[in-house]
Amino acid sequence: GRVIRRLTWQGQDEIAAWSPDSKALAFVRINWNDEEHPRSEIRVQPVDRVGRSRLIRTEPFGVVLKDAVWHPGRIVYIAPMQASDLELALMKPGSRGVRILTRNDLDEREPDWSPDRRTIVFVQEWKAYPFGGSNLRLVQADGSRNRVLTSRGPYSDRLPSWSPDGRTIAFLRDRHDAPGAS
């Protein structure tokens, strides 16, 4: 078996995303220095050493790194923009600049890079009577060409995954109108 080794020793650290070369982890640390206004810090920790992680970006409390996907030079993740609005964001680990790829009143989740690293598929959630749901959308890595992949209906589309050749996207569909659905 492999040895389990703790890499960080301070703060409340959240779920991580591997770097493409498997040499580092990006993770969120909740900074409670101001208990009324905690901040989420996106940090990078090399896996070959224990010690000080590098601060990449500070976000308002609630940044969702569990949906982060890292590829050479860029991390796409879900960023909180307002009280209950999650948007798709893109950052370079070596800089503090962030590009917001979506701007709307809906929540974006579960991004996945295409194999050629030009396009991102993601889930867009909405809440509407009598039930909410989600559909899949595509956006170019520069934020252009944001378009619908699956239309809205009595279902939720989720967990998109590109095929290795980039020609197909697999996903799960939960039907809300199926017998026994709630």
Protein backbone atom coordinates (compact mmCIF):
# COMPACT_ATOMS: atom_id res chain seq x y z
CA GLY A 1 0.00 0.00 0.00
CA ARG A 2 0.87 3.66 -0.14
CA VAL A 3 1.77 5.89 2.76
CA ILE A 4 -0.81 8.48 3.72
CA ARG A 5 0.90 11.78 4.51
CA ARG A 6 -0.65 14.98 5.79
CA LEU A 7 0.42 17.97 3.69
CA THR A 8 -1.18 20.89 5.52
CA TRP A 9 -1.27 21.64 9.22
CA GLN A 10 -3.25 24.81 9.69
CA GLY A 11 -6.69 26.16 9.02
CA GLN A 12 -9.83 24.47 7.81
CA ASP A 13 -8.83 22.96 4.48
CA GLU A 14 -11.46 21.85 1.98
CA ILE A 15 -11.57 19.56 -1.05
CA ALA A 16 -8.64 19.67 -3.47
CA ALA A 17 -8.03 19.38 -7.22
CA TRP A 18 -4.89 17.73 -8.62
CA SER A 19 -2.54 19.56 -10.97
CA PRO A 20 -2.24 17.89 -14.40
CA ASP A 21 1.29 16.67 -13.60
CA SER A 22 0.18 15.30 -10.18
CA LYS A 23 2.86 17.36 -8.41
CA ALA A 24 0.54 19.76 -6.58
CA LEU A 25 -2.95 20.16 -5.15
CA ALA A 26 -5.13 23.26 -5.31
CA PHE A 27 -7.41 23.53 -2.29
CA VAL A 28 -9.56 25.95 -0.34
CA ARG A 29 -8.61 27.09 3.16
CA ILE A 30 -11.30 28.82 5.20
CA ASN A 31 -9.72 31.82 6.92
CA TRP A 32 -11.57 32.59 10.16
CA ASN A 33 -9.45 35.62 11.19
CA ASP A 34 -12.61 37.73 10.94
CA GLU A 35 -15.36 35.41 12.22
CA GLU A 36 -18.15 37.64 10.92
CA HIS A 37 -16.66 37.72 7.40
CA PRO A 38 -14.63 34.54 6.81
CA ARG A 39 -12.74 34.30 3.52
CA SER A 40 -11.94 31.36 1.28
CA GLU A 41 -8.34 31.20 0.13
CA ILE A 42 -7.42 29.19 -2.95
CA ARG A 43 -3.98 27.73 -2.23
CA VAL A 44 -1.50 25.42 -3.99
CA GLN A 45 0.50 22.80 -2.08
CA PRO A 46 3.31 20.74 -3.67
CA VAL A 47 2.76 17.06 -2.80
CA ASP A 48 6.46 16.24 -2.47
CA ARG A 49 6.87 18.34 0.68
CA VAL A 50 5.02 19.25 3.79
CA GLY A 51 4.92 22.91 4.64
CA ARG A 52 3.77 26.25 3.54
CA SER A 53 1.22 26.35 0.76
CA ARG A 54 1.14 29.23 -1.72
CA LEU A 55 -1.84 31.63 -1.65
CA ILE A 56 -3.29 32.01 -5.15
CA ARG A 57 -6.52 33.94 -4.61
CA THR A 58 -8.89 35.08 -1.88
CA GLU A 59 -12.62 34.74 -2.47
CA PRO A 60 -15.64 35.60 -0.34
CA PHE A 61 -16.64 32.75 1.95
CA GLY A 62 -18.22 29.93 0.04
CA VAL A 63 -15.95 29.40 -2.98
CA VAL A 64 -16.68 25.94 -4.34
CA LEU A 65 -13.42 24.27 -5.31
CA LYS A 66 -14.88 20.78 -5.29
CA ASP A 67 -16.00 21.48 -8.84
CA ALA A 68 -12.54 22.67 -9.88
CA VAL A 69 -10.77 21.12 -12.83
CA TRP A 70 -7.09 21.95 -13.35
CA HIS A 71 -5.31 21.62 -16.66
CA PRO A 72 -1.88 22.98 -17.65
CA GLY A 73 -1.89 26.67 -16.83
CA ARG A 74 -5.57 27.10 -15.88
CA ILE A 75 -8.09 26.11 -13.22
CA VAL A 76 -11.81 26.38 -13.90
CA TYR A 77 -13.93 26.52 -10.75
CA ILE A 78 -17.22 27.73 -9.32
CA ALA A 79 -17.10 31.20 -7.74
CA PRO A 80 -19.77 32.79 -5.54
CA MET A 81 -20.76 36.15 -7.02
CA GLN A 82 -23.68 37.22 -4.83
CA ALA A 83 -25.60 35.81 -1.89
CA SER A 84 -26.86 32.73 -3.74
CA ASP A 85 -25.35 32.94 -7.23
CA LEU A 86 -22.56 30.60 -8.39
CA GLU A 87 -20.72 31.39 -11.62
CA LEU A 88 -18.09 29.62 -13.69
CA ALA A 89 -14.63 31.22 -13.27
CA LEU A 90 -11.22 30.64 -14.83
CA MET A 91 -7.88 31.46 -13.24
CA LYS A 92 -4.18 30.93 -13.87
CA PRO A 93 -2.46 29.50 -10.77
CA GLY A 94 0.49 31.91 -11.08
CA SER A 95 -1.61 35.08 -11.23
CA ARG A 96 -4.38 36.75 -9.28
CA GLY A 97 -6.46 37.45 -12.37
CA VAL A 98 -9.80 35.68 -12.76
CA ARG A 99 -12.11 35.60 -15.76
CA ILE A 100 -15.79 35.07 -14.97
CA LEU A 101 -17.13 32.91 -17.83
CA THR A 102 -20.83 33.13 -16.98
CA ARG A 103 -22.94 35.99 -15.64
CA ASN A 104 -26.57 35.24 -14.83
CA ASP A 105 -28.95 34.57 -11.95
CA LEU A 106 -28.60 30.78 -12.22
CA ASP A 107 -26.03 28.47 -10.60
CA GLU A 108 -23.28 26.83 -12.63
CA ARG A 109 -21.64 23.60 -11.45
CA GLU A 110 -19.62 20.53 -12.45
CA PRO A 111 -17.31 21.89 -15.18
CA ASP A 112 -15.25 19.56 -17.37
CA TRP A 113 -12.56 20.51 -19.91
CA SER A 114 -12.71 19.14 -23.45
CA PRO A 115 -9.66 17.02 -24.35
CA ASP A 116 -8.31 19.83 -26.58
CA ARG A 117 -8.75 22.29 -23.63
CA ARG A 118 -10.70 24.80 -25.74
CA THR A 119 -14.24 24.16 -24.46
CA ILE A 120 -15.83 23.62 -21.06
CA VAL A 121 -19.09 21.73 -20.53
CA PHE A 122 -20.95 22.57 -17.33
CA VAL A 123 -24.26 22.17 -15.52
CA GLN A 124 -26.61 25.15 -15.20
CA GLU A 125 -29.25 24.84 -12.47
CA TRP A 126 -32.53 26.71 -12.25
CA LYS A 127 -35.30 26.78 -9.71
CA ALA A 128 -38.77 27.12 -11.13
CA TYR A 129 -42.24 25.98 -10.16
CA PRO A 130 -43.17 23.17 -9.76
CA PHE A 131 -39.59 21.86 -9.53
CA GLY A 132 -36.07 22.92 -10.40
CA GLY A 133 -33.81 21.22 -12.84
CA SER A 134 -30.61 21.60 -14.77
CA ASN A 135 -29.30 21.47 -18.29
CA LEU A 136 -25.86 21.32 -19.89
CA ARG A 137 -24.12 24.22 -21.57
CA LEU A 138 -20.85 24.73 -23.43
CA VAL A 139 -18.53 27.75 -23.27
CA GLN A 140 -15.17 28.46 -24.87
CA ALA A 141 -12.25 28.88 -22.44
CA ASP A 142 -12.14 32.60 -23.29
CA GLY A 143 -15.80 32.99 -22.24
CA SER A 144 -17.19 33.24 -25.77
CA ARG A 145 -19.85 31.08 -27.42
CA ASN A 146 -21.82 30.22 -24.27
CA ARG A 147 -24.52 27.95 -25.67
CA VAL A 148 -27.11 25.35 -24.69
CA LEU A 149 -26.22 21.68 -25.14
CA THR A 150 -29.37 20.14 -23.58
CA SER A 151 -32.68 21.96 -23.31
CA ARG A 152 -34.78 22.47 -20.18
CA GLY A 153 -37.38 19.89 -19.34
CA PRO A 154 -38.85 17.83 -16.51
CA TYR A 155 -35.38 16.50 -15.65
CA SER A 156 -31.94 17.37 -14.31
CA ASP A 157 -28.86 16.81 -16.45
CA ARG A 158 -25.66 16.45 -14.43
CA LEU A 159 -22.12 15.05 -14.19
CA PRO A 160 -20.99 15.77 -17.78
CA SER A 161 -17.83 14.01 -18.96
CA TRP A 162 -16.05 14.38 -22.30
CA SER A 163 -15.00 11.28 -24.24
CA PRO A 164 -11.21 11.04 -24.75
CA ASP A 165 -11.57 11.96 -28.46
CA GLY A 166 -13.74 15.02 -27.62
CA ARG A 167 -16.59 14.00 -29.92
CA THR A 168 -19.10 12.90 -27.26
CA ILE A 169 -20.25 14.07 -23.84
CA ALA A 170 -21.73 11.52 -21.45
CA PHE A 171 -24.02 12.72 -18.65
CA LEU A 172 -26.68 11.56 -16.23
CA ARG A 173 -30.33 12.57 -16.61
CA ASP A 174 -32.71 12.38 -13.65
CA ARG A 175 -36.33 12.59 -14.83
CA HIS A 176 -38.67 14.44 -12.48
CA ASP A 177 -41.82 13.09 -14.14
CA ALA A 178 -40.83 9.41 -13.83
CA PRO A 179 -42.96 7.17 -11.55
CA GLY A 180 -41.84 7.60 -7.96
CA ALA A 181 -39.96 10.85 -8.65
CA SER A 182 -40.31 13.55 -6.05
